[in-house]
Each structure stands twice: as structure tokens, then as C-alpha cells.
């Protein structure tokens, strides 16, 4: 299956470089380009896209708001997956983009092989932000999250089993599936199954969105500690 990629960046030279890298891949095709968020939304009305490489700082409409309109905060059914391109890994734009529904982010100077792996991972439904980076982002920008009371704000959390809730807490604390498996004395396949069920029950697209939800609802506080 060919992964249909859209490039959204106001720098023509950067888009050209990415296009050359992707064109050399047998499983990828650049099917659309845009120079800003407004143009991206217009192009998406007619183009069929699987993954969008989205810059954050653009004129007219930035990548965060464009991502929000495309992904609906991560709830838009059938929306393309968005991979944010940013200059700094601890960046308020990157954090806001994750909340808006992006499946992850990469630095603009990422090596080509890592970019290609990220596109394939996002297309398959995986997140591409390292758990430790996600945790550092959330710890830094937790003050931007809405204040929570003692009770979780999302009633869907009540659908989780005790084990699934335990797995969600560990995901939010920055542990990988392998680390969670070791902590809970489970197989990595079992942990992956639990994570999949958590995403389904909470109507989330990927584990990045699960981490954001855990912080928003107060399940995890800044510093990664469980509530």
C-alpha cells in the first residue's frame, strides 16, 4: 500500500528536499503540497491524503490551528494523520499540536531514515513521540491544561478495567510497552492489547492522546506522579 503524503510548509526549499527523499521510497508518494494552513485546508477538500507533514510556524493559519481543524482534537474519524515538524523538541507549538490531534512531532533536521520511519509509524497508527519526550513536554506545559477537580472530567474513564487504568497511568508516566510489561509482569503483546483497548474505549487515536488525557483529567500530575 502506498502512503499518500502531503507537505505543508511555507519554505519551498524544505518541501523540495522532503519531496526528493519521499519520491525515492517505493511505498510513499507526495500527492499534495501547501504553503500555509489555509491552503492546506483548501487542498484537502479534494486530495486524498494519509499522512501530513505539517510545519507549525506559517503565515495566515499556523500548523496548530490547521491540525485542530483537520483532526478535530484527535476525534475526527478518518482524518489524515498529522506529523508536526518543529525546530525545538520542547516547544509550546509542539505541545499544542499534540492536544489538537497530531500523532507526533519531529525536528526539522531529522535524518531522512528517521523521518521515513516516523511516516510509516504514524500511518500504521503508532505515535512517534518518544515517551520520555512526551512526559517532558507535559511536565513543562501542564500549567496550560485546564484546572481539574478531584474527579476525572471524562466519564469514559469509568469504562476502563483496573488493569487498563493501571496501564494508562504507566503510559502517561512515560513508560514504553516493554517497560510496562516488565513493571506489571506481563508480556509486551498483552500490554499492547491493553493499550489498544484503552484507545478504543476512550475514543483516542494514539497513545500521545492518551497521555494528554491523563494529564487533563488529573490522573497524572506534573512530574509523572499518579493522582
Protein backbone atom coordinates (compact mmCIF):
# COMPACT_ATOMS: atom_id res chain seq x y z
CA UNK A 1 0.00 0.00 0.00
CA UNK A 2 1.34 3.42 -0.99
CA UNK A 3 1.33 6.06 1.76
CA UNK A 4 -0.07 9.30 0.36
CA UNK A 5 1.81 12.22 1.91
CA UNK A 6 1.04 15.93 1.95
CA UNK A 7 3.75 18.53 2.63
CA UNK A 8 2.69 21.74 4.40
CA UNK A 9 5.44 24.31 4.91
CA UNK A 10 5.98 27.90 3.81
CA UNK A 11 9.59 27.15 2.84
CA UNK A 12 9.64 25.89 -0.75
CA UNK A 13 13.21 24.62 -0.45
CA UNK A 14 12.34 22.47 2.55
CA UNK A 15 9.32 20.99 0.76
CA UNK A 16 11.54 20.24 -2.23
CA UNK A 17 14.04 18.40 -0.06
CA UNK A 18 11.36 16.31 1.63
CA UNK A 19 9.74 15.55 -1.72
CA UNK A 20 13.01 14.22 -3.10
CA UNK A 21 13.51 11.96 -0.08
CA UNK A 22 9.95 10.59 -0.23
CA UNK A 23 9.98 10.14 -4.01
CA UNK A 24 12.79 7.60 -3.65
CA UNK A 25 10.60 5.36 -1.48
CA UNK A 26 8.54 2.63 -3.20
CA UNK A 27 5.80 2.85 -0.57
CA UNK A 28 5.36 6.65 -0.45
CA UNK A 29 4.03 9.31 -2.78
CA UNK A 30 3.74 13.07 -2.30
CA UNK A 31 0.22 13.76 -3.52
CA UNK A 32 -0.24 17.36 -2.36
CA UNK A 33 1.61 20.42 -1.07
CA UNK A 34 0.64 23.69 0.60
CA UNK A 35 2.46 26.80 1.78
CA UNK A 36 0.27 27.58 4.78
CA UNK A 37 -2.63 26.25 6.83
CA UNK A 38 -5.35 27.96 4.81
CA UNK A 39 -4.06 26.50 1.58
CA UNK A 40 -3.71 23.09 3.23
CA UNK A 41 -7.37 23.02 4.25
CA UNK A 42 -8.37 24.05 0.74
CA UNK A 43 -6.25 21.34 -0.89
CA UNK A 44 -7.59 18.67 1.47
CA UNK A 45 -11.11 19.22 0.16
CA UNK A 46 -10.15 17.31 -2.99
CA UNK A 47 -6.91 15.46 -2.21
CA UNK A 48 -6.85 12.03 -0.59
CA UNK A 49 -4.07 12.07 2.00
CA UNK A 50 -2.88 9.56 4.60
CA UNK A 51 -0.13 11.50 6.40
CA UNK A 52 0.55 15.23 6.57
CA UNK A 53 3.98 16.67 7.35
CA UNK A 54 2.93 19.95 8.97
CA UNK A 55 5.09 22.94 9.85
CA UNK A 56 3.89 24.94 12.86
CA UNK A 57 5.01 28.50 12.16
CA UNK A 58 3.32 29.62 8.94
CA UNK A 59 1.52 32.76 7.77
CA UNK A 60 -2.27 33.10 7.54
CA UNK A 61 -3.02 29.95 9.56
CA UNK A 62 -0.40 28.17 11.65
CA UNK A 63 0.09 24.43 11.83
CA UNK A 64 -1.56 24.07 15.24
CA UNK A 65 -4.89 25.54 14.17
CA UNK A 66 -4.73 23.72 10.84
CA UNK A 67 -4.14 20.46 12.72
CA UNK A 68 -7.07 21.20 15.03
CA UNK A 69 -9.40 21.73 12.07
CA UNK A 70 -8.13 18.62 10.28
CA UNK A 71 -8.08 16.26 13.27
CA UNK A 72 -10.83 17.73 15.43
CA UNK A 73 -8.68 17.39 18.55
CA UNK A 74 -7.93 13.79 17.67
CA UNK A 75 -11.59 12.82 17.34
CA UNK A 76 -12.13 13.37 13.60
CA UNK A 77 -12.96 9.97 12.10
CA UNK A 78 -10.91 9.09 9.05
CA UNK A 79 -8.81 12.26 9.17
CA UNK A 80 -5.25 12.16 7.85
CA UNK A 81 -2.55 11.59 10.46
CA UNK A 82 -0.54 14.73 11.18
CA UNK A 83 3.18 14.68 11.89
CA UNK A 84 4.35 18.07 13.14
CA UNK A 85 7.70 19.48 12.06
CA UNK A 86 9.28 21.78 14.63
CA UNK A 87 12.64 23.36 15.40
CA UNK A 88 12.78 22.61 19.13
CA UNK A 89 11.52 19.46 20.84
CA UNK A 90 10.35 21.31 23.96
CA UNK A 91 8.14 23.78 22.18
CA UNK A 92 4.71 25.17 23.09
CA UNK A 93 3.69 24.74 19.47
CA UNK A 94 4.52 21.03 19.58
CA UNK A 95 2.55 20.63 22.81
CA UNK A 96 -0.45 22.50 21.41
CA UNK A 97 -0.32 20.42 18.24
CA UNK A 98 -0.45 17.18 20.24
CA UNK A 99 -3.54 18.48 22.03
CA UNK A 100 -5.02 19.46 18.66
CA UNK A 101 -4.80 15.87 17.44
CA UNK A 102 -1.33 15.44 15.91
CA UNK A 103 0.08 11.93 16.12
CA UNK A 104 3.54 13.19 16.97
CA UNK A 105 6.29 15.57 16.00
CA UNK A 106 9.79 15.52 14.57
CA UNK A 107 12.60 18.04 14.44
CA UNK A 108 13.07 19.64 11.03
CA UNK A 109 16.67 18.48 10.85
CA UNK A 110 15.73 14.85 11.46
CA UNK A 111 17.83 12.33 9.48
CA UNK A 112 15.95 11.04 6.41
CA UNK A 113 15.76 7.45 7.67
CA UNK A 114 14.12 8.62 10.92
CA UNK A 115 11.63 10.77 9.03
CA UNK A 116 10.67 7.85 6.80
CA UNK A 117 10.28 5.56 9.82
CA UNK A 118 8.11 8.19 11.51
CA UNK A 119 5.82 8.50 8.48
CA UNK A 120 5.37 4.73 8.35
CA UNK A 121 4.75 4.55 12.10
CA UNK A 122 2.14 7.31 12.02
CA UNK A 123 0.43 5.68 9.04
CA UNK A 124 0.20 2.38 10.91
CA UNK A 125 -1.40 4.09 13.91
CA UNK A 126 1.59 4.40 16.21
CA UNK A 127 2.76 7.58 17.90
CA UNK A 128 6.22 8.87 17.07
CA UNK A 129 7.00 11.00 20.09
CA UNK A 130 9.33 9.20 22.47
CA UNK A 131 7.57 8.58 25.81
CA UNK A 132 10.28 10.49 27.68
CA UNK A 133 9.84 13.49 25.38
CA UNK A 134 6.06 13.38 25.79
CA UNK A 135 6.48 13.38 29.54
CA UNK A 136 8.92 16.30 29.48
CA UNK A 137 6.58 18.28 27.24
CA UNK A 138 3.60 17.69 29.50
CA UNK A 139 5.54 18.40 32.66
CA UNK A 140 6.64 21.71 31.21
CA UNK A 141 3.28 22.78 29.85
CA UNK A 142 0.91 21.32 32.47
CA UNK A 143 0.00 24.87 33.60
CA UNK A 144 -1.64 25.30 30.18
CA UNK A 145 -4.06 22.46 30.95
CA UNK A 146 -7.50 23.22 32.44
CA UNK A 147 -7.77 23.01 36.20
CA UNK A 148 -9.23 19.70 37.36
CA UNK A 149 -11.21 18.79 40.43
CA UNK A 150 -10.68 15.60 42.36
CA UNK A 151 -12.86 13.61 39.94
CA UNK A 152 -11.80 12.81 36.38
CA UNK A 153 -13.56 15.00 33.83
CA UNK A 154 -14.17 12.22 31.34
CA UNK A 155 -16.89 9.68 32.26
CA UNK A 156 -15.37 7.30 29.70
CA UNK A 157 -12.61 6.60 32.19
CA UNK A 158 -15.16 4.58 34.14
CA UNK A 159 -15.21 2.04 31.28
CA UNK A 160 -11.61 1.04 31.94
CA UNK A 161 -10.84 -2.06 33.95
CA UNK A 162 -8.49 -1.73 36.90
CA UNK A 163 -5.68 -3.20 34.80
CA UNK A 164 -6.35 -0.85 31.89
CA UNK A 165 -6.35 2.12 34.24
CA UNK A 166 -3.03 0.92 35.64
CA UNK A 167 -1.58 0.64 32.15
CA UNK A 168 -2.86 4.12 31.25
CA UNK A 169 -1.11 5.60 34.29
CA UNK A 170 2.17 3.98 33.29
CA UNK A 171 1.81 5.12 29.67
CA UNK A 172 1.27 8.66 30.95
CA UNK A 173 4.36 8.43 33.13
CA UNK A 174 6.50 7.90 30.04
CA UNK A 175 6.97 4.11 30.06
CA UNK A 176 7.20 2.16 26.82
CA UNK A 177 5.23 -1.03 26.26
CA UNK A 178 8.30 -3.08 27.13
CA UNK A 179 8.86 -1.17 30.36
CA UNK A 180 5.20 -1.51 31.32
CA UNK A 181 5.37 -5.25 30.64
CA UNK A 182 8.36 -5.57 32.97
CA UNK A 183 6.71 -3.46 35.66
CA UNK A 184 3.44 -5.42 35.62
CA UNK A 185 5.00 -8.82 34.83
CA UNK A 186 3.05 -9.14 31.59
CA UNK A 187 4.03 -9.95 28.03
CA UNK A 188 4.61 -7.00 25.74
CA UNK A 189 1.84 -8.32 23.46
CA UNK A 190 -0.60 -8.22 26.39
CA UNK A 191 0.37 -4.63 27.18
CA UNK A 192 -0.15 -3.69 23.53
CA UNK A 193 -3.61 -5.25 23.69
CA UNK A 194 -4.44 -3.26 26.83
CA UNK A 195 -3.25 -0.04 25.19
CA UNK A 196 -5.41 -0.77 22.15
CA UNK A 197 -8.47 -1.33 24.31
CA UNK A 198 -7.79 1.88 26.22
CA UNK A 199 -7.64 3.87 22.99
CA UNK A 200 -10.86 2.27 21.75
CA UNK A 201 -12.79 2.83 24.97
CA UNK A 202 -11.67 6.44 25.26
CA UNK A 203 -12.08 7.15 21.51
CA UNK A 204 -8.45 8.21 21.18
CA UNK A 205 -6.30 7.93 18.07
CA UNK A 206 -2.98 7.04 19.69
CA UNK A 207 -1.04 6.85 22.95
CA UNK A 208 0.03 10.51 22.72
CA UNK A 209 -3.62 11.49 23.03
CA UNK A 210 -3.95 9.07 25.95
CA UNK A 211 -1.08 10.80 27.75
CA UNK A 212 -2.61 14.23 27.21
CA UNK A 213 -5.96 12.95 28.51
CA UNK A 214 -4.35 11.53 31.64
CA UNK A 215 -2.88 14.93 32.46
CA UNK A 216 -6.03 16.85 31.57
CA UNK A 217 -8.19 14.72 33.84
CA UNK A 218 -5.75 14.83 36.73
CA UNK A 219 -4.92 11.11 36.62
CA UNK A 220 -1.29 12.15 36.38
CA UNK A 221 0.22 15.34 37.77
CA UNK A 222 3.26 17.26 36.62
CA UNK A 223 6.32 15.17 37.35
CA UNK A 224 4.59 11.99 36.18
CA UNK A 225 3.09 11.02 39.54
CA UNK A 226 -0.25 9.29 39.59
CA UNK A 227 -3.13 11.14 41.20
